[in-house]
Amino acid sequence: MTLDEFQQFIEKMYSAKDRERGAAGTFMWMSEEIGELAAAIMEGTQQDKSEEFADVMAWLFTLANVEGINLTEAIRAKYGDGCPGCGAWVCTCKSKP
């Protein structure tokens, strides 16, 4: 499944509820999922981690849909020519870890 396909899948499945909840409410749900991912990374099984990564991605795509952002286009615009800081394909930025 491509990023575009996944974004459309999420749109079809959840768009009515997502728009009713709005960006702020959706962001709060995504934040909760990030917390669950953090817990899974610290103490969870590989299955727990896998599920939480998927949940975080679904909520990120949900939020992008609510905000009218195509994530494929956003990623391509920001990272399509290499690192946004140094422009290299293998980052050589000195200021970022």
PDB file of N, CA and C in Angstrom:
ATOM      1  N   MET A   1       0.849  -1.179   0.000  1.00  0.00           N
ATOM      2  CA  MET A   1       0.000   0.000   0.000  1.00  0.00           C
ATOM      3  C   MET A   1       0.895   1.242   0.000  1.00  0.00           C
ATOM      4  N   THR A   2       0.624   2.174  -0.891  1.00  0.00           N
ATOM      5  CA  THR A   2       1.395   3.418  -0.934  1.00  0.00           C
ATOM      6  C   THR A   2       0.890   4.386   0.132  1.00  0.00           C
ATOM      7  N   LEU A   3       1.644   5.457   0.352  1.00  0.00           N
ATOM      8  CA  LEU A   3       1.186   6.485   1.287  1.00  0.00           C
ATOM      9  C   LEU A   3      -0.144   7.080   0.830  1.00  0.00           C
ATOM     10  N   ASP A   4      -0.254   7.376  -0.469  1.00  0.00           N
ATOM     11  CA  ASP A   4      -1.511   7.922  -0.993  1.00  0.00           C
ATOM     12  C   ASP A   4      -2.675   6.961  -0.775  1.00  0.00           C
ATOM     13  N   GLU A   5      -2.449   5.696  -1.045  1.00  0.00           N
ATOM     14  CA  GLU A   5      -3.508   4.696  -0.851  1.00  0.00           C
ATOM     15  C   GLU A   5      -3.918   4.621   0.611  1.00  0.00           C
ATOM     16  N   PHE A   6      -2.936   4.651   1.509  1.00  0.00           N
ATOM     17  CA  PHE A   6      -3.260   4.593   2.935  1.00  0.00           C
ATOM     18  C   PHE A   6      -4.022   5.844   3.370  1.00  0.00           C
ATOM     19  N   GLN A   7      -3.601   6.997   2.883  1.00  0.00           N
ATOM     20  CA  GLN A   7      -4.298   8.227   3.246  1.00  0.00           C
ATOM     21  C   GLN A   7      -5.742   8.190   2.751  1.00  0.00           C
ATOM     22  N   GLN A   8      -5.960   7.701   1.553  1.00  0.00           N
ATOM     23  CA  GLN A   8      -7.319   7.585   1.019  1.00  0.00           C
ATOM     24  C   GLN A   8      -8.128   6.552   1.798  1.00  0.00           C
ATOM     25  N   PHE A   9      -7.491   5.461   2.187  1.00  0.00           N
ATOM     26  CA  PHE A   9      -8.133   4.425   2.994  1.00  0.00           C
ATOM     27  C   PHE A   9      -8.621   4.999   4.327  1.00  0.00           C
ATOM     28  N   ILE A  10      -7.745   5.743   4.994  1.00  0.00           N
ATOM     29  CA  ILE A  10      -8.104   6.372   6.267  1.00  0.00           C
ATOM     30  C   ILE A  10      -9.222   7.392   6.052  1.00  0.00           C
ATOM     31  N   GLU A  11      -9.131   8.161   4.983  1.00  0.00           N
ATOM     32  CA  GLU A  11     -10.172   9.148   4.659  1.00  0.00           C
ATOM     33  C   GLU A  11     -11.536   8.471   4.502  1.00  0.00           C
ATOM     34  N   LYS A  12     -11.559   7.401   3.735  1.00  0.00           N
ATOM     35  CA  LYS A  12     -12.819   6.692   3.484  1.00  0.00           C
ATOM     36  C   LYS A  12     -13.389   6.087   4.771  1.00  0.00           C
ATOM     37  N   MET A  13     -12.523   5.516   5.577  1.00  0.00           N
ATOM     38  CA  MET A  13     -12.971   4.812   6.771  1.00  0.00           C
ATOM     39  C   MET A  13     -13.426   5.754   7.892  1.00  0.00           C
ATOM     40  N   TYR A  14     -12.739   6.877   8.059  1.00  0.00           N
ATOM     41  CA  TYR A  14     -12.952   7.684   9.256  1.00  0.00           C
ATOM     42  C   TYR A  14     -13.335   9.145   9.030  1.00  0.00           C
ATOM     43  N   SER A  15     -13.437   9.611   7.798  1.00  0.00           N
ATOM     44  CA  SER A  15     -13.539  11.054   7.546  1.00  0.00           C
ATOM     45  C   SER A  15     -14.695  11.736   8.257  1.00  0.00           C
ATOM     46  N   ALA A  16     -15.846  11.117   8.312  1.00  0.00           N
ATOM     47  CA  ALA A  16     -16.996  11.772   8.955  1.00  0.00           C
ATOM     48  C   ALA A  16     -16.713  12.045  10.429  1.00  0.00           C
ATOM     49  N   LYS A  17     -16.230  11.042  11.141  1.00  0.00           N
ATOM     50  CA  LYS A  17     -15.920  11.206  12.562  1.00  0.00           C
ATOM     51  C   LYS A  17     -14.757  12.181  12.761  1.00  0.00           C
ATOM     52  N   ASP A  18     -13.762  12.103  11.877  1.00  0.00           N
ATOM     53  CA  ASP A  18     -12.570  12.929  12.022  1.00  0.00           C
ATOM     54  C   ASP A  18     -12.903  14.411  11.908  1.00  0.00           C
ATOM     55  N   ARG A  19     -13.673  14.776  10.911  1.00  0.00           N
ATOM     56  CA  ARG A  19     -14.004  16.186  10.709  1.00  0.00           C
ATOM     57  C   ARG A  19     -14.902  16.710  11.823  1.00  0.00           C
ATOM     58  N   GLU A  20     -15.746  15.864  12.344  1.00  0.00           N
ATOM     59  CA  GLU A  20     -16.589  16.263  13.478  1.00  0.00           C
ATOM     60  C   GLU A  20     -15.734  16.519  14.718  1.00  0.00           C
ATOM     61  N   ARG A  21     -14.719  15.700  14.925  1.00  0.00           N
ATOM     62  CA  ARG A  21     -13.818  15.834  16.079  1.00  0.00           C
ATOM     63  C   ARG A  21     -12.930  17.063  15.925  1.00  0.00           C
ATOM     64  N   GLY A  22     -12.513  17.351  14.700  1.00  0.00           N
ATOM     65  CA  GLY A  22     -11.656  18.505  14.438  1.00  0.00           C
ATOM     66  C   GLY A  22     -10.188  18.221  14.675  1.00  0.00           C
ATOM     67  N   ALA A  23      -9.365  19.187  14.301  1.00  0.00           N
ATOM     68  CA  ALA A  23      -7.917  19.023  14.382  1.00  0.00           C
ATOM     69  C   ALA A  23      -7.430  18.901  15.826  1.00  0.00           C
ATOM     70  N   ALA A  24      -7.943  19.726  16.712  1.00  0.00           N
ATOM     71  CA  ALA A  24      -7.460  19.692  18.100  1.00  0.00           C
ATOM     72  C   ALA A  24      -7.779  18.350  18.761  1.00  0.00           C
ATOM     73  N   GLY A  25      -8.993  17.877  18.590  1.00  0.00           N
ATOM     74  CA  GLY A  25      -9.377  16.590  19.167  1.00  0.00           C
ATOM     75  C   GLY A  25      -8.598  15.441  18.552  1.00  0.00           C
ATOM     76  N   THR A  26      -8.388  15.510  17.256  1.00  0.00           N
ATOM     77  CA  THR A  26      -7.630  14.475  16.563  1.00  0.00           C
ATOM     78  C   THR A  26      -6.179  14.475  17.031  1.00  0.00           C
ATOM     79  N   PHE A  27      -5.614  15.660  17.214  1.00  0.00           N
ATOM     80  CA  PHE A  27      -4.241  15.753  17.715  1.00  0.00           C
ATOM     81  C   PHE A  27      -4.132  15.133  19.110  1.00  0.00           C
ATOM     82  N   MET A  28      -5.124  15.342  19.945  1.00  0.00           N
ATOM     83  CA  MET A  28      -5.098  14.756  21.290  1.00  0.00           C
ATOM     84  C   MET A  28      -5.116  13.226  21.217  1.00  0.00           C
ATOM     85  N   TRP A  29      -5.939  12.660  20.338  1.00  0.00           N
ATOM     86  CA  TRP A  29      -5.970  11.208  20.170  1.00  0.00           C
ATOM     87  C   TRP A  29      -4.619  10.706  19.669  1.00  0.00           C
ATOM     88  N   MET A  30      -4.025  11.428  18.707  1.00  0.00           N
ATOM     89  CA  MET A  30      -2.720  11.032  18.191  1.00  0.00           C
ATOM     90  C   MET A  30      -1.670  11.090  19.304  1.00  0.00           C
ATOM     91  N   SER A  31      -1.740  12.103  20.140  1.00  0.00           N
ATOM     92  CA  SER A  31      -0.794  12.222  21.252  1.00  0.00           C
ATOM     93  C   SER A  31      -0.910  11.045  22.207  1.00  0.00           C
ATOM     94  N   GLU A  32      -2.126  10.608  22.457  1.00  0.00           N
ATOM     95  CA  GLU A  32      -2.327   9.433  23.310  1.00  0.00           C
ATOM     96  C   GLU A  32      -1.677   8.202  22.682  1.00  0.00           C
ATOM     97  N   GLU A  33      -1.829   8.052  21.381  1.00  0.00           N
ATOM     98  CA  GLU A  33      -1.210   6.914  20.693  1.00  0.00           C
ATOM     99  C   GLU A  33       0.309   6.998  20.738  1.00  0.00           C
ATOM    100  N   ILE A  34       0.865   8.201  20.662  1.00  0.00           N
ATOM    101  CA  ILE A  34       2.315   8.354  20.785  1.00  0.00           C
ATOM    102  C   ILE A  34       2.770   7.899  22.170  1.00  0.00           C
ATOM    103  N   GLY A  35       1.993   8.218  23.191  1.00  0.00           N
ATOM    104  CA  GLY A  35       2.298   7.747  24.539  1.00  0.00           C
ATOM    105  C   GLY A  35       2.261   6.227  24.632  1.00  0.00           C
ATOM    106  N   GLU A  36       1.279   5.618  23.966  1.00  0.00           N
ATOM    107  CA  GLU A  36       1.196   4.156  23.961  1.00  0.00           C
ATOM    108  C   GLU A  36       2.386   3.554  23.208  1.00  0.00           C
ATOM    109  N   LEU A  37       2.830   4.215  22.139  1.00  0.00           N
ATOM    110  CA  LEU A  37       4.008   3.754  21.418  1.00  0.00           C
ATOM    111  C   LEU A  37       5.241   3.839  22.315  1.00  0.00           C
ATOM    112  N   ALA A  38       5.363   4.929  23.055  1.00  0.00           N
ATOM    113  CA  ALA A  38       6.495   5.078  23.970  1.00  0.00           C
ATOM    114  C   ALA A  38       6.518   3.943  24.994  1.00  0.00           C
ATOM    115  N   ALA A  39       5.362   3.616  25.535  1.00  0.00           N
ATOM    116  CA  ALA A  39       5.282   2.521  26.506  1.00  0.00           C
ATOM    117  C   ALA A  39       5.649   1.190  25.858  1.00  0.00           C
ATOM    118  N   ALA A  40       5.186   0.970  24.641  1.00  0.00           N
ATOM    119  CA  ALA A  40       5.507  -0.280  23.943  1.00  0.00           C
ATOM    120  C   ALA A  40       7.003  -0.383  23.664  1.00  0.00           C
ATOM    121  N   ILE A  41       7.625   0.726  23.303  1.00  0.00           N
ATOM    122  CA  ILE A  41       9.071   0.716  23.044  1.00  0.00           C
ATOM    123  C   ILE A  41       9.830   0.377  24.326  1.00  0.00           C
ATOM    124  N   MET A  42       9.359   0.905  25.433  1.00  0.00           N
ATOM    125  CA  MET A  42      10.037   0.674  26.717  1.00  0.00           C
ATOM    126  C   MET A  42       9.835  -0.751  27.236  1.00  0.00           C
ATOM    127  N   GLU A  43       8.613  -1.278  27.100  1.00  0.00           N
ATOM    128  CA  GLU A  43       8.300  -2.537  27.788  1.00  0.00           C
ATOM    129  C   GLU A  43       7.525  -3.545  26.955  1.00  0.00           C
ATOM    130  N   GLY A  44       7.146  -3.185  25.739  1.00  0.00           N
ATOM    131  CA  GLY A  44       6.265  -4.048  24.971  1.00  0.00           C
ATOM    132  C   GLY A  44       6.974  -5.097  24.149  1.00  0.00           C
ATOM    133  N   THR A  45       6.159  -5.973  23.617  1.00  0.00           N
ATOM    134  CA  THR A  45       6.644  -7.001  22.704  1.00  0.00           C
ATOM    135  C   THR A  45       6.786  -6.395  21.301  1.00  0.00           C
ATOM    136  N   GLN A  46       7.373  -7.136  20.389  1.00  0.00           N
ATOM    137  CA  GLN A  46       7.456  -6.682  19.002  1.00  0.00           C
ATOM    138  C   GLN A  46       6.054  -6.472  18.434  1.00  0.00           C
ATOM    139  N   GLN A  47       5.117  -7.332  18.786  1.00  0.00           N
ATOM    140  CA  GLN A  47       3.739  -7.182  18.326  1.00  0.00           C
ATOM    141  C   GLN A  47       3.129  -5.890  18.863  1.00  0.00           C
ATOM    142  N   ASP A  48       3.345  -5.604  20.141  1.00  0.00           N
ATOM    143  CA  ASP A  48       2.846  -4.352  20.725  1.00  0.00           C
ATOM    144  C   ASP A  48       3.417  -3.146  19.978  1.00  0.00           C
ATOM    145  N   LYS A  49       4.713  -3.174  19.738  1.00  0.00           N
ATOM    146  CA  LYS A  49       5.374  -2.067  19.036  1.00  0.00           C
ATOM    147  C   LYS A  49       4.792  -1.907  17.636  1.00  0.00           C
ATOM    148  N   SER A  50       4.655  -3.011  16.937  1.00  0.00           N
ATOM    149  CA  SER A  50       4.123  -2.983  15.580  1.00  0.00           C
ATOM    150  C   SER A  50       2.737  -2.350  15.539  1.00  0.00           C
ATOM    151  N   GLU A  51       1.879  -2.755  16.453  1.00  0.00           N
ATOM    152  CA  GLU A  51       0.520  -2.225  16.502  1.00  0.00           C
ATOM    153  C   GLU A  51       0.506  -0.743  16.845  1.00  0.00           C
ATOM    154  N   GLU A  52       1.347  -0.329  17.762  1.00  0.00           N
ATOM    155  CA  GLU A  52       1.371   1.083  18.152  1.00  0.00           C
ATOM    156  C   GLU A  52       1.970   1.965  17.053  1.00  0.00           C
ATOM    157  N   PHE A  53       2.992   1.468  16.346  1.00  0.00           N
ATOM    158  CA  PHE A  53       3.495   2.227  15.198  1.00  0.00           C
ATOM    159  C   PHE A  53       2.386   2.420  14.176  1.00  0.00           C
ATOM    160  N   ALA A  54       1.624   1.368  13.914  1.00  0.00           N
ATOM    161  CA  ALA A  54       0.522   1.462  12.950  1.00  0.00           C
ATOM    162  C   ALA A  54      -0.531   2.458  13.422  1.00  0.00           C
ATOM    163  N   ASP A  55      -0.848   2.436  14.713  1.00  0.00           N
ATOM    164  CA  ASP A  55      -1.835   3.378  15.255  1.00  0.00           C
ATOM    165  C   ASP A  55      -1.362   4.828  15.108  1.00  0.00           C
ATOM    166  N   VAL A  56      -0.092   5.079  15.426  1.00  0.00           N
ATOM    167  CA  VAL A  56       0.434   6.443  15.309  1.00  0.00           C
ATOM    168  C   VAL A  56       0.359   6.911  13.855  1.00  0.00           C
ATOM    169  N   MET A  57       0.722   6.035  12.935  1.00  0.00           N
ATOM    170  CA  MET A  57       0.650   6.402  11.516  1.00  0.00           C
ATOM    171  C   MET A  57      -0.794   6.688  11.105  1.00  0.00           C
ATOM    172  N   ALA A  58      -1.725   5.873  11.550  1.00  0.00           N
ATOM    173  CA  ALA A  58      -3.131   6.090  11.192  1.00  0.00           C
ATOM    174  C   ALA A  58      -3.613   7.436  11.717  1.00  0.00           C
ATOM    175  N   TRP A  59      -3.263   7.776  12.943  1.00  0.00           N
ATOM    176  CA  TRP A  59      -3.696   9.060  13.499  1.00  0.00           C
ATOM    177  C   TRP A  59      -2.998  10.234  12.825  1.00  0.00           C
ATOM    178  N   LEU A  60      -1.735  10.066  12.425  1.00  0.00           N
ATOM    179  CA  LEU A  60      -1.046  11.119  11.686  1.00  0.00           C
ATOM    180  C   LEU A  60      -1.747  11.369  10.357  1.00  0.00           C
ATOM    181  N   PHE A  61      -2.092  10.311   9.653  1.00  0.00           N
ATOM    182  CA  PHE A  61      -2.793  10.456   8.380  1.00  0.00           C
ATOM    183  C   PHE A  61      -4.189  11.034   8.591  1.00  0.00           C
ATOM    184  N   THR A  62      -4.844  10.659   9.674  1.00  0.00           N
ATOM    185  CA  THR A  62      -6.144  11.226  10.007  1.00  0.00           C
ATOM    186  C   THR A  62      -6.027  12.730  10.189  1.00  0.00           C
ATOM    187  N   LEU A  63      -5.047  13.160  10.968  1.00  0.00           N
ATOM    188  CA  LEU A  63      -4.849  14.587  11.213  1.00  0.00           C
ATOM    189  C   LEU A  63      -4.524  15.323   9.915  1.00  0.00           C
ATOM    190  N   ALA A  64      -3.709  14.723   9.079  1.00  0.00           N
ATOM    191  CA  ALA A  64      -3.394  15.332   7.787  1.00  0.00           C
ATOM    192  C   ALA A  64      -4.667  15.490   6.954  1.00  0.00           C
ATOM    193  N   ASN A  65      -5.527  14.492   6.964  1.00  0.00           N
ATOM    194  CA  ASN A  65      -6.783  14.591   6.222  1.00  0.00           C
ATOM    195  C   ASN A  65      -7.653  15.724   6.756  1.00  0.00           C
ATOM    196  N   VAL A  66      -7.771  15.828   8.056  1.00  0.00           N
ATOM    197  CA  VAL A  66      -8.574  16.897   8.655  1.00  0.00           C
ATOM    198  C   VAL A  66      -8.034  18.262   8.243  1.00  0.00           C
ATOM    199  N   GLU A  67      -6.716  18.364   8.152  1.00  0.00           N
ATOM    200  CA  GLU A  67      -6.067  19.636   7.806  1.00  0.00           C
ATOM    201  C   GLU A  67      -5.895  19.845   6.300  1.00  0.00           C
ATOM    202  N   GLY A  68      -6.306  18.864   5.504  1.00  0.00           N
ATOM    203  CA  GLY A  68      -6.205  19.007   4.054  1.00  0.00           C
ATOM    204  C   GLY A  68      -4.792  18.910   3.516  1.00  0.00           C
ATOM    205  N   ILE A  69      -3.958  18.104   4.154  1.00  0.00           N
ATOM    206  CA  ILE A  69      -2.563  17.939   3.751  1.00  0.00           C
ATOM    207  C   ILE A  69      -2.388  16.565   3.108  1.00  0.00           C
ATOM    208  N   ASN A  70      -1.848  16.539   1.891  1.00  0.00           N
ATOM    209  CA  ASN A  70      -1.481  15.283   1.250  1.00  0.00           C
ATOM    210  C   ASN A  70      -0.066  14.952   1.716  1.00  0.00           C
ATOM    211  N   LEU A  71       0.075  13.881   2.468  1.00  0.00           N
ATOM    212  CA  LEU A  71       1.381  13.575   3.060  1.00  0.00           C
ATOM    213  C   LEU A  71       2.421  13.161   2.027  1.00  0.00           C
ATOM    214  N   THR A  72       2.022  12.509   0.962  1.00  0.00           N
ATOM    215  CA  THR A  72       2.987  12.169  -0.086  1.00  0.00           C
ATOM    216  C   THR A  72       3.602  13.433  -0.655  1.00  0.00           C
ATOM    217  N   GLU A  73       2.765  14.407  -0.961  1.00  0.00           N
ATOM    218  CA  GLU A  73       3.264  15.671  -1.500  1.00  0.00           C
ATOM    219  C   GLU A  73       4.114  16.416  -0.479  1.00  0.00           C
ATOM    220  N   ALA A  74       3.687  16.414   0.779  1.00  0.00           N
ATOM    221  CA  ALA A  74       4.442  17.110   1.827  1.00  0.00           C
ATOM    222  C   ALA A  74       5.822  16.490   2.018  1.00  0.00           C
ATOM    223  N   ILE A  75       5.881  15.162   2.031  1.00  0.00           N
ATOM    224  CA  ILE A  75       7.164  14.472   2.202  1.00  0.00           C
ATOM    225  C   ILE A  75       8.070  14.736   1.009  1.00  0.00           C
ATOM    226  N   ARG A  76       7.499  14.645  -0.180  1.00  0.00           N
ATOM    227  CA  ARG A  76       8.296  14.883  -1.392  1.00  0.00           C
ATOM    228  C   ARG A  76       8.841  16.313  -1.410  1.00  0.00           C
ATOM    229  N   ALA A  77       8.010  17.279  -1.038  1.00  0.00           N
ATOM    230  CA  ALA A  77       8.440  18.679  -1.049  1.00  0.00           C
ATOM    231  C   ALA A  77       9.546  18.933  -0.024  1.00  0.00           C
ATOM    232  N   LYS A  78       9.449  18.312   1.131  1.00  0.00           N
ATOM    233  CA  LYS A  78      10.427  18.583   2.188  1.00  0.00           C
ATOM    234  C   LYS A  78      11.692  17.738   2.063  1.00  0.00           C
ATOM    235  N   TYR A  79      11.557  16.463   1.677  1.00  0.00           N
ATOM    236  CA  TYR A  79      12.690  15.536   1.692  1.00  0.00           C
ATOM    237  C   TYR A  79      13.074  14.987   0.317  1.00  0.00           C
ATOM    238  N   GLY A  80      12.391  15.400  -0.727  1.00  0.00           N
ATOM    239  CA  GLY A  80      12.620  14.851  -2.052  1.00  0.00           C
ATOM    240  C   GLY A  80      13.977  15.153  -2.654  1.00  0.00           C
ATOM    241  N   ASP A  81      14.662  16.172  -2.141  1.00  0.00           N
ATOM    242  CA  ASP A  81      15.982  16.529  -2.654  1.00  0.00           C
ATOM    243  C   ASP A  81      17.088  16.259  -1.644  1.00  0.00           C
ATOM    244  N   GLY A  82      16.806  15.423  -0.651  1.00  0.00           N
ATOM    245  CA  GLY A  82      17.795  15.107   0.377  1.00  0.00           C
ATOM    246  C   GLY A  82      17.461  15.795   1.695  1.00  0.00           C
ATOM    247  N   CYS A  83      18.417  15.841   2.569  1.00  0.00           N
ATOM    248  CA  CYS A  83      18.239  16.448   3.885  1.00  0.00           C
ATOM    249  C   CYS A  83      17.840  17.918   3.730  1.00  0.00           C
ATOM    250  N   PRO A  84      16.767  18.346   4.396  1.00  0.00           N
ATOM    251  CA  PRO A  84      16.365  19.748   4.283  1.00  0.00           C
ATOM    252  C   PRO A  84      17.409  20.726   4.835  1.00  0.00           C
ATOM    253  N   GLY A  85      18.284  20.252   5.708  1.00  0.00           N
ATOM    254  CA  GLY A  85      19.297  21.120   6.290  1.00  0.00           C
ATOM    255  C   GLY A  85      20.526  21.290   5.420  1.00  0.00           C
ATOM    256  N   CYS A  86      21.122  20.169   5.000  1.00  0.00           N
ATOM    257  CA  CYS A  86      22.375  20.239   4.256  1.00  0.00           C
ATOM    258  C   CYS A  86      22.212  19.889   2.778  1.00  0.00           C
ATOM    259  N   GLY A  87      21.083  19.320   2.403  1.00  0.00           N
ATOM    260  CA  GLY A  87      20.832  18.969   1.014  1.00  0.00           C
ATOM    261  C   GLY A  87      21.459  17.661   0.565  1.00  0.00           C
ATOM    262  N   ALA A  88      22.202  16.994   1.435  1.00  0.00           N
ATOM    263  CA  ALA A  88      22.845  15.738   1.075  1.00  0.00           C
ATOM    264  C   ALA A  88      21.888  14.569   1.240  1.00  0.00           C
ATOM    265  N   TRP A  89      22.144  13.495   0.490  1.00  0.00           N
ATOM    266  CA  TRP A  89      21.322  12.280   0.619  1.00  0.00           C
ATOM    267  C   TRP A  89      21.670  11.524   1.885  1.00  0.00           C
ATOM    268  N   VAL A  90      22.884  11.658   2.344  1.00  0.00           N
ATOM    269  CA  VAL A  90      23.276  11.148   3.664  1.00  0.00           C
ATOM    270  C   VAL A  90      23.623  12.384   4.472  1.00  0.00           C
ATOM    271  N   CYS A  91      22.806  12.682   5.457  1.00  0.00           N
ATOM    272  CA  CYS A  91      22.899  13.944   6.204  1.00  0.00           C
ATOM    273  C   CYS A  91      24.298  14.171   6.769  1.00  0.00           C
ATOM    274  N   THR A  92      24.782  15.387   6.559  1.00  0.00           N
ATOM    275  CA  THR A  92      26.077  15.802   7.125  1.00  0.00           C
ATOM    276  C   THR A  92      25.911  17.013   8.032  1.00  0.00           C
ATOM    277  N   CYS A  93      24.684  17.301   8.442  1.00  0.00           N
ATOM    278  CA  CYS A  93      24.430  18.432   9.337  1.00  0.00           C
ATOM    279  C   CYS A  93      25.210  18.263  10.620  1.00  0.00           C
ATOM    280  N   LYS A  94      25.812  19.322  11.087  1.00  0.00           N
ATOM    281  CA  LYS A  94      26.586  19.287  12.319  1.00  0.00           C
ATOM    282  C   LYS A  94      25.743  19.642  13.540  1.00  0.00           C
ATOM    283  N   SER A  95      24.635  20.360  13.338  1.00  0.00           N
ATOM    284  CA  SER A  95      23.872  20.865  14.466  1.00  0.00           C
ATOM    285  C   SER A  95      22.780  19.928  14.959  1.00  0.00           C
ATOM    286  N   LYS A  96      22.463  18.871  14.208  1.00  0.00           N
ATOM    287  CA  LYS A  96      21.400  17.964  14.616  1.00  0.00           C
ATOM    288  C   LYS A  96      21.983  16.601  14.955  1.00  0.00           C
ATOM    289  N   PRO A  97      21.431  15.981  16.003  1.00  0.00           N
ATOM    290  CA  PRO A  97      21.941  14.654  16.380  1.00  0.00           C
ATOM    291  C   PRO A  97      21.620  13.587  15.359  1.00  0.00           C
TER     292      PRO A  97
END
